[in-house]
Every structure is written in structure tokens, then in C-alpha cells.
Amino acid sequence: MTTENFVAVFTLDDLADGEPHKAVVDDVTIAVVLTEGEVFAINDICSHGQVSLSEGEVDGCSLECWLHGSQFDLRTGKPLSLPATDPVPVYPVKVEDGTVFVTTRSSDLS
């Protein structure tokens, strides 16, 4: 994984455990979540209801959409409950010296 396309979005001090935070990277709105000692980045738009996932609730490694209750795995983006049936994209995260970096570029997603 290359590092030049990663963008600094938060410091670890900015992130409260289990609380989603919204950021924009490369014109993509993402939800950044610190939970269970890891930082995850997932597309902020629910694949079912087209609403912001960063307004939802975190339970372990899942993020629940506040509107219809679909839960998404923060590691894979796969829906864990209905009504959502389509996954949402997840993005690579790096933490260096207390700064959280995310990339949404496809060349960095392999």
C-alpha cells in the first residue's frame, strides 16, 4: 500500500471511542470510527436509506444507520442486518504519530 495518497483527517485525541466522526477525503464523505482500539473508515452514506452513517451508533465493530437500523461491519462494509442488502465501501486507515490518515483512491485499496 502506498502512502502518498493518504490524507490526514483527525488526531487520535479528536476521536472519542465509539463515536463516529465525519470527514471528507477526495470529495468522498466518510465516517471515521475509533472502536476496540482500532480506527476504521467507512463511506458515510447508507446503501439503503441514503443518510449519514456518521450520525449512527457504534456497537463493537458495527455501525448502525440511525434512520432504518441497518448495521454495517466497519471492517468490511457488509450489511449485518436488514433493510440494507448492499455493502458500503471501507477505506484504508493509517495512524502515525497520533494522526489518522485515510485514502479513498482505488490504487491504494488493493
PDB file of N, CA and C in Angstrom:
ATOM      1  N   MET A   1       0.854  -1.178   0.000  1.00  0.00           N
ATOM      2  CA  MET A   1       0.000   0.000   0.000  1.00  0.00           C
ATOM      3  C   MET A   1       0.894   1.233   0.000  1.00  0.00           C
ATOM      4  N   THR A   2       0.701   2.121  -0.953  1.00  0.00           N
ATOM      5  CA  THR A   2       1.473   3.352  -0.991  1.00  0.00           C
ATOM      6  C   THR A   2       0.937   4.321   0.049  1.00  0.00           C
ATOM      7  N   THR A   3       1.725   5.348   0.343  1.00  0.00           N
ATOM      8  CA  THR A   3       1.303   6.295   1.378  1.00  0.00           C
ATOM      9  C   THR A   3       1.038   7.694   0.855  1.00  0.00           C
ATOM     10  N   GLU A   4       1.448   8.008  -0.370  1.00  0.00           N
ATOM     11  CA  GLU A   4       1.337   9.395  -0.809  1.00  0.00           C
ATOM     12  C   GLU A   4      -0.093   9.884  -0.972  1.00  0.00           C
ATOM     13  N   ASN A   5      -1.055   9.026  -1.148  1.00  0.00           N
ATOM     14  CA  ASN A   5      -2.438   9.460  -1.340  1.00  0.00           C
ATOM     15  C   ASN A   5      -3.253   9.506  -0.048  1.00  0.00           C
ATOM     16  N   PHE A   6      -2.634   9.216   1.070  1.00  0.00           N
ATOM     17  CA  PHE A   6      -3.344   9.280   2.344  1.00  0.00           C
ATOM     18  C   PHE A   6      -3.481  10.731   2.786  1.00  0.00           C
ATOM     19  N   VAL A   7      -4.625  11.040   3.377  1.00  0.00           N
ATOM     20  CA  VAL A   7      -4.931  12.396   3.822  1.00  0.00           C
ATOM     21  C   VAL A   7      -5.151  12.374   5.334  1.00  0.00           C
ATOM     22  N   ALA A   8      -4.537  13.317   6.041  1.00  0.00           N
ATOM     23  CA  ALA A   8      -4.754  13.444   7.488  1.00  0.00           C
ATOM     24  C   ALA A   8      -6.173  13.936   7.727  1.00  0.00           C
ATOM     25  N   VAL A   9      -6.915  13.219   8.591  1.00  0.00           N
ATOM     26  CA  VAL A   9      -8.304  13.605   8.860  1.00  0.00           C
ATOM     27  C   VAL A   9      -8.548  14.004  10.314  1.00  0.00           C
ATOM     28  N   PHE A  10      -7.890  13.349  11.250  1.00  0.00           N
ATOM     29  CA  PHE A  10      -8.061  13.638  12.673  1.00  0.00           C
ATOM     30  C   PHE A  10      -6.784  13.262  13.403  1.00  0.00           C
ATOM     31  N   THR A  11      -6.693  13.688  14.659  1.00  0.00           N
ATOM     32  CA  THR A  11      -5.711  13.101  15.563  1.00  0.00           C
ATOM     33  C   THR A  11      -6.461  12.084  16.413  1.00  0.00           C
ATOM     34  N   LEU A  12      -5.731  11.174  17.014  1.00  0.00           N
ATOM     35  CA  LEU A  12      -6.391  10.206  17.899  1.00  0.00           C
ATOM     36  C   LEU A  12      -7.108  10.903  19.039  1.00  0.00           C
ATOM     37  N   ASP A  13      -6.566  12.036  19.483  1.00  0.00           N
ATOM     38  CA  ASP A  13      -7.207  12.796  20.568  1.00  0.00           C
ATOM     39  C   ASP A  13      -8.562  13.363  20.147  1.00  0.00           C
ATOM     40  N   ASP A  14      -8.766  13.562  18.837  1.00  0.00           N
ATOM     41  CA  ASP A  14     -10.043  14.078  18.330  1.00  0.00           C
ATOM     42  C   ASP A  14     -11.154  13.031  18.389  1.00  0.00           C
ATOM     43  N   LEU A  15     -10.767  11.760  18.418  1.00  0.00           N
ATOM     44  CA  LEU A  15     -11.744  10.675  18.284  1.00  0.00           C
ATOM     45  C   LEU A  15     -12.141  10.115  19.641  1.00  0.00           C
ATOM     46  N   ALA A  16     -13.412  10.199  19.958  1.00  0.00           N
ATOM     47  CA  ALA A  16     -13.934   9.571  21.168  1.00  0.00           C
ATOM     48  C   ALA A  16     -14.270   8.121  20.828  1.00  0.00           C
ATOM     49  N   ASP A  17     -13.922   7.204  21.689  1.00  0.00           N
ATOM     50  CA  ASP A  17     -14.165   5.788  21.441  1.00  0.00           C
ATOM     51  C   ASP A  17     -15.650   5.527  21.228  1.00  0.00           C
ATOM     52  N   GLY A  18     -15.968   4.866  20.112  1.00  0.00           N
ATOM     53  CA  GLY A  18     -17.352   4.502  19.828  1.00  0.00           C
ATOM     54  C   GLY A  18     -18.222   5.625  19.292  1.00  0.00           C
ATOM     55  N   GLU A  19     -17.604   6.722  18.886  1.00  0.00           N
ATOM     56  CA  GLU A  19     -18.363   7.864  18.363  1.00  0.00           C
ATOM     57  C   GLU A  19     -17.908   8.180  16.935  1.00  0.00           C
ATOM     58  N   PRO A  20     -18.788   8.028  15.943  1.00  0.00           N
ATOM     59  CA  PRO A  20     -18.401   8.311  14.558  1.00  0.00           C
ATOM     60  C   PRO A  20     -18.128   9.796  14.337  1.00  0.00           C
ATOM     61  N   HIS A  21     -17.163  10.065  13.474  1.00  0.00           N
ATOM     62  CA  HIS A  21     -16.818  11.426  13.096  1.00  0.00           C
ATOM     63  C   HIS A  21     -16.825  11.529  11.577  1.00  0.00           C
ATOM     64  N   LYS A  22     -17.388  12.598  11.057  1.00  0.00           N
ATOM     65  CA  LYS A  22     -17.487  12.794   9.613  1.00  0.00           C
ATOM     66  C   LYS A  22     -16.261  13.537   9.097  1.00  0.00           C
ATOM     67  N   ALA A  23     -15.767  13.091   7.925  1.00  0.00           N
ATOM     68  CA  ALA A  23     -14.654  13.758   7.246  1.00  0.00           C
ATOM     69  C   ALA A  23     -14.876  13.649   5.747  1.00  0.00           C
ATOM     70  N   VAL A  24     -14.188  14.499   4.999  1.00  0.00           N
ATOM     71  CA  VAL A  24     -14.242  14.430   3.538  1.00  0.00           C
ATOM     72  C   VAL A  24     -12.825  14.217   3.029  1.00  0.00           C
ATOM     73  N   VAL A  25     -12.654  13.156   2.230  1.00  0.00           N
ATOM     74  CA  VAL A  25     -11.361  12.825   1.636  1.00  0.00           C
ATOM     75  C   VAL A  25     -11.589  12.631   0.141  1.00  0.00           C
ATOM     76  N   ASP A  26     -10.875  13.380  -0.679  1.00  0.00           N
ATOM     77  CA  ASP A  26     -11.004  13.261  -2.137  1.00  0.00           C
ATOM     78  C   ASP A  26     -12.468  13.370  -2.581  1.00  0.00           C
ATOM     79  N   ASP A  27     -13.201  14.308  -2.004  1.00  0.00           N
ATOM     80  CA  ASP A  27     -14.614  14.536  -2.327  1.00  0.00           C
ATOM     81  C   ASP A  27     -15.525  13.383  -1.934  1.00  0.00           C
ATOM     82  N   VAL A  28     -15.056  12.482  -1.089  1.00  0.00           N
ATOM     83  CA  VAL A  28     -15.860  11.371  -0.581  1.00  0.00           C
ATOM     84  C   VAL A  28     -16.098  11.621   0.907  1.00  0.00           C
ATOM     85  N   THR A  29     -17.359  11.622   1.317  1.00  0.00           N
ATOM     86  CA  THR A  29     -17.679  11.793   2.734  1.00  0.00           C
ATOM     87  C   THR A  29     -17.583  10.436   3.413  1.00  0.00           C
ATOM     88  N   ILE A  30     -16.821  10.391   4.491  1.00  0.00           N
ATOM     89  CA  ILE A  30     -16.580   9.138   5.208  1.00  0.00           C
ATOM     90  C   ILE A  30     -16.914   9.312   6.686  1.00  0.00           C
ATOM     91  N   ALA A  31     -17.168   8.183   7.330  1.00  0.00           N
ATOM     92  CA  ALA A  31     -17.302   8.148   8.783  1.00  0.00           C
ATOM     93  C   ALA A  31     -16.050   7.482   9.332  1.00  0.00           C
ATOM     94  N   VAL A  32     -15.396   8.142  10.259  1.00  0.00           N
ATOM     95  CA  VAL A  32     -14.190   7.615  10.902  1.00  0.00           C
ATOM     96  C   VAL A  32     -14.569   7.234  12.321  1.00  0.00           C
ATOM     97  N   VAL A  33     -14.219   5.990  12.696  1.00  0.00           N
ATOM     98  CA  VAL A  33     -14.651   5.458  13.987  1.00  0.00           C
ATOM     99  C   VAL A  33     -13.470   4.817  14.709  1.00  0.00           C
ATOM    100  N   LEU A  34     -13.270   5.208  15.965  1.00  0.00           N
ATOM    101  CA  LEU A  34     -12.332   4.536  16.858  1.00  0.00           C
ATOM    102  C   LEU A  34     -13.148   3.607  17.737  1.00  0.00           C
ATOM    103  N   THR A  35     -12.872   2.305  17.647  1.00  0.00           N
ATOM    104  CA  THR A  35     -13.570   1.330  18.484  1.00  0.00           C
ATOM    105  C   THR A  35     -12.685   0.108  18.676  1.00  0.00           C
ATOM    106  N   GLU A  36     -12.752  -0.471  19.838  1.00  0.00           N
ATOM    107  CA  GLU A  36     -11.982  -1.662  20.172  1.00  0.00           C
ATOM    108  C   GLU A  36     -10.500  -1.498  19.853  1.00  0.00           C
ATOM    109  N   GLY A  37      -9.985  -0.270  20.056  1.00  0.00           N
ATOM    110  CA  GLY A  37      -8.569   0.003  19.871  1.00  0.00           C
ATOM    111  C   GLY A  37      -8.120   0.170  18.426  1.00  0.00           C
ATOM    112  N   GLU A  38      -9.045   0.176  17.472  1.00  0.00           N
ATOM    113  CA  GLU A  38      -8.714   0.351  16.060  1.00  0.00           C
ATOM    114  C   GLU A  38      -9.495   1.522  15.482  1.00  0.00           C
ATOM    115  N   VAL A  39      -8.956   2.083  14.392  1.00  0.00           N
ATOM    116  CA  VAL A  39      -9.637   3.166  13.692  1.00  0.00           C
ATOM    117  C   VAL A  39     -10.099   2.624  12.343  1.00  0.00           C
ATOM    118  N   PHE A  40     -11.347   2.900  12.010  1.00  0.00           N
ATOM    119  CA  PHE A  40     -11.955   2.435  10.770  1.00  0.00           C
ATOM    120  C   PHE A  40     -12.477   3.636   9.986  1.00  0.00           C
ATOM    121  N   ALA A  41     -12.518   3.479   8.656  1.00  0.00           N
ATOM    122  CA  ALA A  41     -13.105   4.499   7.781  1.00  0.00           C
ATOM    123  C   ALA A  41     -14.074   3.796   6.844  1.00  0.00           C
ATOM    124  N   ILE A  42     -15.310   4.273   6.829  1.00  0.00           N
ATOM    125  CA  ILE A  42     -16.363   3.666   6.029  1.00  0.00           C
ATOM    126  C   ILE A  42     -17.115   4.787   5.322  1.00  0.00           C
ATOM    127  N   ASN A  43     -17.616   4.516   4.135  1.00  0.00           N
ATOM    128  CA  ASN A  43     -18.386   5.528   3.422  1.00  0.00           C
ATOM    129  C   ASN A  43     -19.529   5.995   4.315  1.00  0.00           C
ATOM    130  N   ASP A  44     -19.781   7.284   4.317  1.00  0.00           N
ATOM    131  CA  ASP A  44     -20.748   7.859   5.245  1.00  0.00           C
ATOM    132  C   ASP A  44     -22.203   7.688   4.813  1.00  0.00           C
ATOM    133  N   ILE A  45     -22.439   7.218   3.602  1.00  0.00           N
ATOM    134  CA  ILE A  45     -23.814   7.143   3.107  1.00  0.00           C
ATOM    135  C   ILE A  45     -24.340   5.711   3.166  1.00  0.00           C
ATOM    136  N   CYS A  46     -25.438   5.516   3.878  1.00  0.00           N
ATOM    137  CA  CYS A  46     -26.074   4.208   3.995  1.00  0.00           C
ATOM    138  C   CYS A  46     -26.519   3.730   2.620  1.00  0.00           C
ATOM    139  N   SER A  47     -26.245   2.469   2.312  1.00  0.00           N
ATOM    140  CA  SER A  47     -26.608   1.924   1.000  1.00  0.00           C
ATOM    141  C   SER A  47     -28.106   1.698   0.851  1.00  0.00           C
ATOM    142  N   HIS A  48     -28.830   1.759   1.940  1.00  0.00           N
ATOM    143  CA  HIS A  48     -30.279   1.570   1.879  1.00  0.00           C
ATOM    144  C   HIS A  48     -31.023   2.891   1.870  1.00  0.00           C
ATOM    145  N   GLY A  49     -30.724   3.755   2.844  1.00  0.00           N
ATOM    146  CA  GLY A  49     -31.534   4.947   3.035  1.00  0.00           C
ATOM    147  C   GLY A  49     -30.917   6.245   2.579  1.00  0.00           C
ATOM    148  N   GLN A  50     -29.674   6.202   2.067  1.00  0.00           N
ATOM    149  CA  GLN A  50     -29.008   7.412   1.607  1.00  0.00           C
ATOM    150  C   GLN A  50     -28.946   8.494   2.689  1.00  0.00           C
ATOM    151  N   VAL A  51     -28.632   8.078   3.913  1.00  0.00           N
ATOM    152  CA  VAL A  51     -28.471   9.022   5.016  1.00  0.00           C
ATOM    153  C   VAL A  51     -27.083   8.833   5.632  1.00  0.00           C
ATOM    154  N   SER A  52     -26.689   9.781   6.456  1.00  0.00           N
ATOM    155  CA  SER A  52     -25.353   9.808   7.031  1.00  0.00           C
ATOM    156  C   SER A  52     -25.169   8.735   8.113  1.00  0.00           C
ATOM    157  N   LEU A  53     -24.204   7.849   7.885  1.00  0.00           N
ATOM    158  CA  LEU A  53     -23.890   6.829   8.897  1.00  0.00           C
ATOM    159  C   LEU A  53     -23.145   7.424  10.084  1.00  0.00           C
ATOM    160  N   SER A  54     -22.469   8.562   9.886  1.00  0.00           N
ATOM    161  CA  SER A  54     -21.725   9.157  11.000  1.00  0.00           C
ATOM    162  C   SER A  54     -22.652   9.690  12.087  1.00  0.00           C
ATOM    163  N   GLU A  55     -23.954   9.683  11.838  1.00  0.00           N
ATOM    164  CA  GLU A  55     -24.922  10.065  12.859  1.00  0.00           C
ATOM    165  C   GLU A  55     -25.480   8.846  13.586  1.00  0.00           C
ATOM    166  N   GLY A  56     -24.981   7.654  13.222  1.00  0.00           N
ATOM    167  CA  GLY A  56     -25.469   6.419  13.821  1.00  0.00           C
ATOM    168  C   GLY A  56     -24.712   6.029  15.069  1.00  0.00           C
ATOM    169  N   GLU A  57     -25.038   4.842  15.577  1.00  0.00           N
ATOM    170  CA  GLU A  57     -24.429   4.340  16.800  1.00  0.00           C
ATOM    171  C   GLU A  57     -23.474   3.197  16.504  1.00  0.00           C
ATOM    172  N   VAL A  58     -22.380   3.165  17.270  1.00  0.00           N
ATOM    173  CA  VAL A  58     -21.362   2.134  17.142  1.00  0.00           C
ATOM    174  C   VAL A  58     -21.599   1.075  18.209  1.00  0.00           C
ATOM    175  N   ASP A  59     -21.504  -0.190  17.804  1.00  0.00           N
ATOM    176  CA  ASP A  59     -21.576  -1.315  18.730  1.00  0.00           C
ATOM    177  C   ASP A  59     -20.468  -2.281  18.340  1.00  0.00           C
ATOM    178  N   GLY A  60     -19.368  -2.236  19.077  1.00  0.00           N
ATOM    179  CA  GLY A  60     -18.223  -3.058  18.706  1.00  0.00           C
ATOM    180  C   GLY A  60     -17.692  -2.605  17.361  1.00  0.00           C
ATOM    181  N   CYS A  61     -17.619  -3.537  16.414  1.00  0.00           N
ATOM    182  CA  CYS A  61     -17.130  -3.213  15.067  1.00  0.00           C
ATOM    183  C   CYS A  61     -18.268  -3.042  14.073  1.00  0.00           C
ATOM    184  N   SER A  62     -19.432  -2.598  14.548  1.00  0.00           N
ATOM    185  CA  SER A  62     -20.531  -2.321  13.629  1.00  0.00           C
ATOM    186  C   SER A  62     -21.034  -0.897  13.848  1.00  0.00           C
ATOM    187  N   LEU A  63     -21.583  -0.350  12.766  1.00  0.00           N
ATOM    188  CA  LEU A  63     -22.142   0.993  12.785  1.00  0.00           C
ATOM    189  C   LEU A  63     -23.582   0.899  12.308  1.00  0.00           C
ATOM    190  N   GLU A  64     -24.493   1.407  13.127  1.00  0.00           N
ATOM    191  CA  GLU A  64     -25.921   1.314  12.822  1.00  0.00           C
ATOM    192  C   GLU A  64     -26.430   2.609  12.216  1.00  0.00           C
ATOM    193  N   CYS A  65     -27.140   2.484  11.103  1.00  0.00           N
ATOM    194  CA  CYS A  65     -27.785   3.629  10.476  1.00  0.00           C
ATOM    195  C   CYS A  65     -28.921   4.112  11.389  1.00  0.00           C
ATOM    196  N   TRP A  66     -28.943   5.391  11.658  1.00  0.00           N
ATOM    197  CA  TRP A  66     -29.925   5.934  12.603  1.00  0.00           C
ATOM    198  C   TRP A  66     -31.347   5.930  12.055  1.00  0.00           C
ATOM    199  N   LEU A  67     -31.518   5.879  10.722  1.00  0.00           N
ATOM    200  CA  LEU A  67     -32.859   6.027  10.171  1.00  0.00           C
ATOM    201  C   LEU A  67     -33.649   4.720  10.157  1.00  0.00           C
ATOM    202  N   HIS A  68     -33.074   3.661   9.616  1.00  0.00           N
ATOM    203  CA  HIS A  68     -33.809   2.399   9.495  1.00  0.00           C
ATOM    204  C   HIS A  68     -33.182   1.243  10.267  1.00  0.00           C
ATOM    205  N   GLY A  69     -32.051   1.474  10.935  1.00  0.00           N
ATOM    206  CA  GLY A  69     -31.478   0.458  11.808  1.00  0.00           C
ATOM    207  C   GLY A  69     -30.559  -0.556  11.158  1.00  0.00           C
ATOM    208  N   SER A  70     -30.235  -0.407   9.876  1.00  0.00           N
ATOM    209  CA  SER A  70     -29.269  -1.325   9.266  1.00  0.00           C
ATOM    210  C   SER A  70     -27.921  -1.173   9.948  1.00  0.00           C
ATOM    211  N   GLN A  71     -27.252  -2.282  10.164  1.00  0.00           N
ATOM    212  CA  GLN A  71     -25.920  -2.267  10.752  1.00  0.00           C
ATOM    213  C   GLN A  71     -24.916  -2.703   9.699  1.00  0.00           C
ATOM    214  N   PHE A  72     -23.738  -2.057   9.715  1.00  0.00           N
ATOM    215  CA  PHE A  72     -22.669  -2.360   8.779  1.00  0.00           C
ATOM    216  C   PHE A  72     -21.404  -2.721   9.534  1.00  0.00           C
ATOM    217  N   ASP A  73     -20.700  -3.735   9.035  1.00  0.00           N
ATOM    218  CA  ASP A  73     -19.423  -4.144   9.609  1.00  0.00           C
ATOM    219  C   ASP A  73     -18.382  -3.085   9.245  1.00  0.00           C
ATOM    220  N   LEU A  74     -17.743  -2.492  10.232  1.00  0.00           N
ATOM    221  CA  LEU A  74     -16.754  -1.450   9.984  1.00  0.00           C
ATOM    222  C   LEU A  74     -15.517  -1.986   9.274  1.00  0.00           C
ATOM    223  N   ARG A  75     -15.257  -3.282   9.389  1.00  0.00           N
ATOM    224  CA  ARG A  75     -14.082  -3.880   8.751  1.00  0.00           C
ATOM    225  C   ARG A  75     -14.294  -4.166   7.278  1.00  0.00           C
ATOM    226  N   THR A  76     -15.531  -4.517   6.894  1.00  0.00           N
ATOM    227  CA  THR A  76     -15.792  -4.966   5.525  1.00  0.00           C
ATOM    228  C   THR A  76     -16.818  -4.118   4.783  1.00  0.00           C
ATOM    229  N   GLY A  77     -17.635  -3.372   5.508  1.00  0.00           N
ATOM    230  CA  GLY A  77     -18.712  -2.604   4.902  1.00  0.00           C
ATOM    231  C   GLY A  77     -19.962  -3.419   4.622  1.00  0.00           C
ATOM    232  N   LYS A  78     -19.914  -4.718   4.891  1.00  0.00           N
ATOM    233  CA  LYS A  78     -21.063  -5.583   4.610  1.00  0.00           C
ATOM    234  C   LYS A  78     -22.194  -5.307   5.590  1.00  0.00           C
ATOM    235  N   PRO A  79     -23.435  -5.340   5.096  1.00  0.00           N
ATOM    236  CA  PRO A  79     -24.573  -5.151   5.998  1.00  0.00           C
ATOM    237  C   PRO A  79     -24.729  -6.360   6.914  1.00  0.00           C
ATOM    238  N   LEU A  80     -25.016  -6.090   8.173  1.00  0.00           N
ATOM    239  CA  LEU A  80     -25.214  -7.149   9.162  1.00  0.00           C
ATOM    240  C   LEU A  80     -26.677  -7.337   9.493  1.00  0.00           C
ATOM    241  N   SER A  81     -27.513  -6.411   9.016  1.00  0.00           N
ATOM    242  CA  SER A  81     -28.949  -6.504   9.286  1.00  0.00           C
ATOM    243  C   SER A  81     -29.718  -5.782   8.193  1.00  0.00           C
ATOM    244  N   LEU A  82     -30.961  -6.181   8.041  1.00  0.00           N
ATOM    245  CA  LEU A  82     -31.851  -5.534   7.082  1.00  0.00           C
ATOM    246  C   LEU A  82     -32.320  -4.198   7.651  1.00  0.00           C
ATOM    247  N   PRO A  83     -32.759  -3.281   6.822  1.00  0.00           N
ATOM    248  CA  PRO A  83     -33.165  -3.473   5.446  1.00  0.00           C
ATOM    249  C   PRO A  83     -32.037  -3.371   4.414  1.00  0.00           C
ATOM    250  N   ALA A  84     -30.829  -2.943   4.800  1.00  0.00           N
ATOM    251  CA  ALA A  84     -29.745  -2.831   3.824  1.00  0.00           C
ATOM    252  C   ALA A  84     -29.315  -4.219   3.345  1.00  0.00           C
ATOM    253  N   THR A  85     -29.072  -4.326   2.055  1.00  0.00           N
ATOM    254  CA  THR A  85     -28.573  -5.578   1.482  1.00  0.00           C
ATOM    255  C   THR A  85     -27.263  -5.354   0.728  1.00  0.00           C
ATOM    256  N   ASP A  86     -26.936  -4.107   0.427  1.00  0.00           N
ATOM    257  CA  ASP A  86     -25.706  -3.790  -0.292  1.00  0.00           C
ATOM    258  C   ASP A  86     -24.663  -3.247   0.675  1.00  0.00           C
ATOM    259  N   PRO A  87     -23.394  -3.625   0.472  1.00  0.00           N
ATOM    260  CA  PRO A  87     -22.331  -3.104   1.331  1.00  0.00           C
ATOM    261  C   PRO A  87     -22.029  -1.641   1.020  1.00  0.00           C
ATOM    262  N   VAL A  88     -21.308  -0.999   1.924  1.00  0.00           N
ATOM    263  CA  VAL A  88     -20.778   0.338   1.684  1.00  0.00           C
ATOM    264  C   VAL A  88     -19.251   0.222   1.656  1.00  0.00           C
ATOM    265  N   PRO A  89     -18.594   1.080   0.884  1.00  0.00           N
ATOM    266  CA  PRO A  89     -17.137   0.990   0.799  1.00  0.00           C
ATOM    267  C   PRO A  89     -16.459   1.280   2.136  1.00  0.00           C
ATOM    268  N   VAL A  90     -15.360   0.582   2.374  1.00  0.00           N
ATOM    269  CA  VAL A  90     -14.472   0.875   3.500  1.00  0.00           C
ATOM    270  C   VAL A  90     -13.135   1.307   2.915  1.00  0.00           C
ATOM    271  N   TYR A  91     -12.364   2.048   3.708  1.00  0.00           N
ATOM    272  CA  TYR A  91     -11.137   2.643   3.198  1.00  0.00           C
ATOM    273  C   TYR A  91      -9.974   2.366   4.135  1.00  0.00           C
ATOM    274  N   PRO A  92      -8.768   2.245   3.571  1.00  0.00           N
ATOM    275  CA  PRO A  92      -7.581   2.021   4.394  1.00  0.00           C
ATOM    276  C   PRO A  92      -7.306   3.194   5.328  1.00  0.00           C
ATOM    277  N   VAL A  93      -6.866   2.849   6.528  1.00  0.00           N
ATOM    278  CA  VAL A  93      -6.534   3.832   7.556  1.00  0.00           C
ATOM    279  C   VAL A  93      -5.110   3.556   8.036  1.00  0.00           C
ATOM    280  N   LYS A  94      -4.367   4.621   8.252  1.00  0.00           N
ATOM    281  CA  LYS A  94      -3.051   4.533   8.879  1.00  0.00           C
ATOM    282  C   LYS A  94      -3.037   5.501  10.041  1.00  0.00           C
ATOM    283  N   VAL A  95      -2.367   5.110  11.126  1.00  0.00           N
ATOM    284  CA  VAL A  95      -2.166   6.014  12.252  1.00  0.00           C
ATOM    285  C   VAL A  95      -0.667   6.157  12.448  1.00  0.00           C
ATOM    286  N   GLU A  96      -0.182   7.387  12.338  1.00  0.00           N
ATOM    287  CA  GLU A  96       1.240   7.675  12.529  1.00  0.00           C
ATOM    288  C   GLU A  96       1.391   8.864  13.458  1.00  0.00           C
ATOM    289  N   ASP A  97       2.159   8.675  14.515  1.00  0.00           N
ATOM    290  CA  ASP A  97       2.428   9.755  15.470  1.00  0.00           C
ATOM    291  C   ASP A  97       1.153  10.427  15.957  1.00  0.00           C
ATOM    292  N   GLY A  98       0.101   9.629  16.178  1.00  0.00           N
ATOM    293  CA  GLY A  98      -1.142  10.145  16.719  1.00  0.00           C
ATOM    294  C   GLY A  98      -2.056  10.804  15.704  1.00  0.00           C
ATOM    295  N   THR A  99      -1.682  10.785  14.420  1.00  0.00           N
ATOM    296  CA  THR A  99      -2.512  11.355  13.369  1.00  0.00           C
ATOM    297  C   THR A  99      -3.142  10.234  12.558  1.00  0.00           C
ATOM    298  N   VAL A 100      -4.431  10.388  12.253  1.00  0.00           N
ATOM    299  CA  VAL A 100      -5.180   9.389  11.486  1.00  0.00           C
ATOM    300  C   VAL A 100      -5.210   9.827  10.026  1.00  0.00           C
ATOM    301  N   PHE A 101      -4.778   8.928   9.145  1.00  0.00           N
ATOM    302  CA  PHE A 101      -4.755   9.168   7.712  1.00  0.00           C
ATOM    303  C   PHE A 101      -5.682   8.179   7.017  1.00  0.00           C
ATOM    304  N   VAL A 102      -6.371   8.643   5.967  1.00  0.00           N
ATOM    305  CA  VAL A 102      -7.292   7.794   5.198  1.00  0.00           C
ATOM    306  C   VAL A 102      -7.046   8.042   3.716  1.00  0.00           C
ATOM    307  N   THR A 103      -7.237   7.002   2.905  1.00  0.00           N
ATOM    308  CA  THR A 103      -7.229   7.169   1.455  1.00  0.00           C
ATOM    309  C   THR A 103      -8.496   6.562   0.874  1.00  0.00           C
ATOM    310  N   THR A 104      -8.985   7.182  -0.183  1.00  0.00           N
ATOM    311  CA  THR A 104     -10.153   6.641  -0.895  1.00  0.00           C
ATOM    312  C   THR A 104      -9.777   6.285  -2.316  1.00  0.00           C
ATOM    313  N   ARG A 105      -8.541   6.470  -2.686  1.00  0.00           N
ATOM    314  CA  ARG A 105      -8.118   6.220  -4.063  1.00  0.00           C
ATOM    315  C   ARG A 105      -7.995   4.738  -4.328  1.00  0.00           C
ATOM    316  N   SER A 106      -8.526   4.308  -5.467  1.00  0.00           N
ATOM    317  CA  SER A 106      -8.572   2.886  -5.778  1.00  0.00           C
ATOM    318  C   SER A 106      -7.189   2.265  -5.895  1.00  0.00           C
ATOM    319  N   SER A 107      -6.173   3.027  -6.275  1.00  0.00           N
ATOM    320  CA  SER A 107      -4.826   2.471  -6.391  1.00  0.00           C
ATOM    321  C   SER A 107      -4.265   2.070  -5.030  1.00  0.00           C
ATOM    322  N   ASP A 108      -4.837   2.618  -3.951  1.00  0.00           N
ATOM    323  CA  ASP A 108      -4.374   2.285  -2.602  1.00  0.00           C
ATOM    324  C   ASP A 108      -5.252   1.246  -1.934  1.00  0.00           C
ATOM    325  N   LEU A 109      -6.290   0.784  -2.608  1.00  0.00           N
ATOM    326  CA  LEU A 109      -7.244  -0.113  -1.980  1.00  0.00           C
ATOM    327  C   LEU A 109      -6.912  -1.576  -2.192  1.00  0.00           C
ATOM    328  N   SER A 110      -5.839  -1.890  -2.879  1.00  0.00           N
ATOM    329  CA  SER A 110      -5.509  -3.297  -3.111  1.00  0.00           C
ATOM    330  C   SER A 110      -4.650  -3.849  -2.012  1.00  0.00           C
TER     331      SER A 110
END
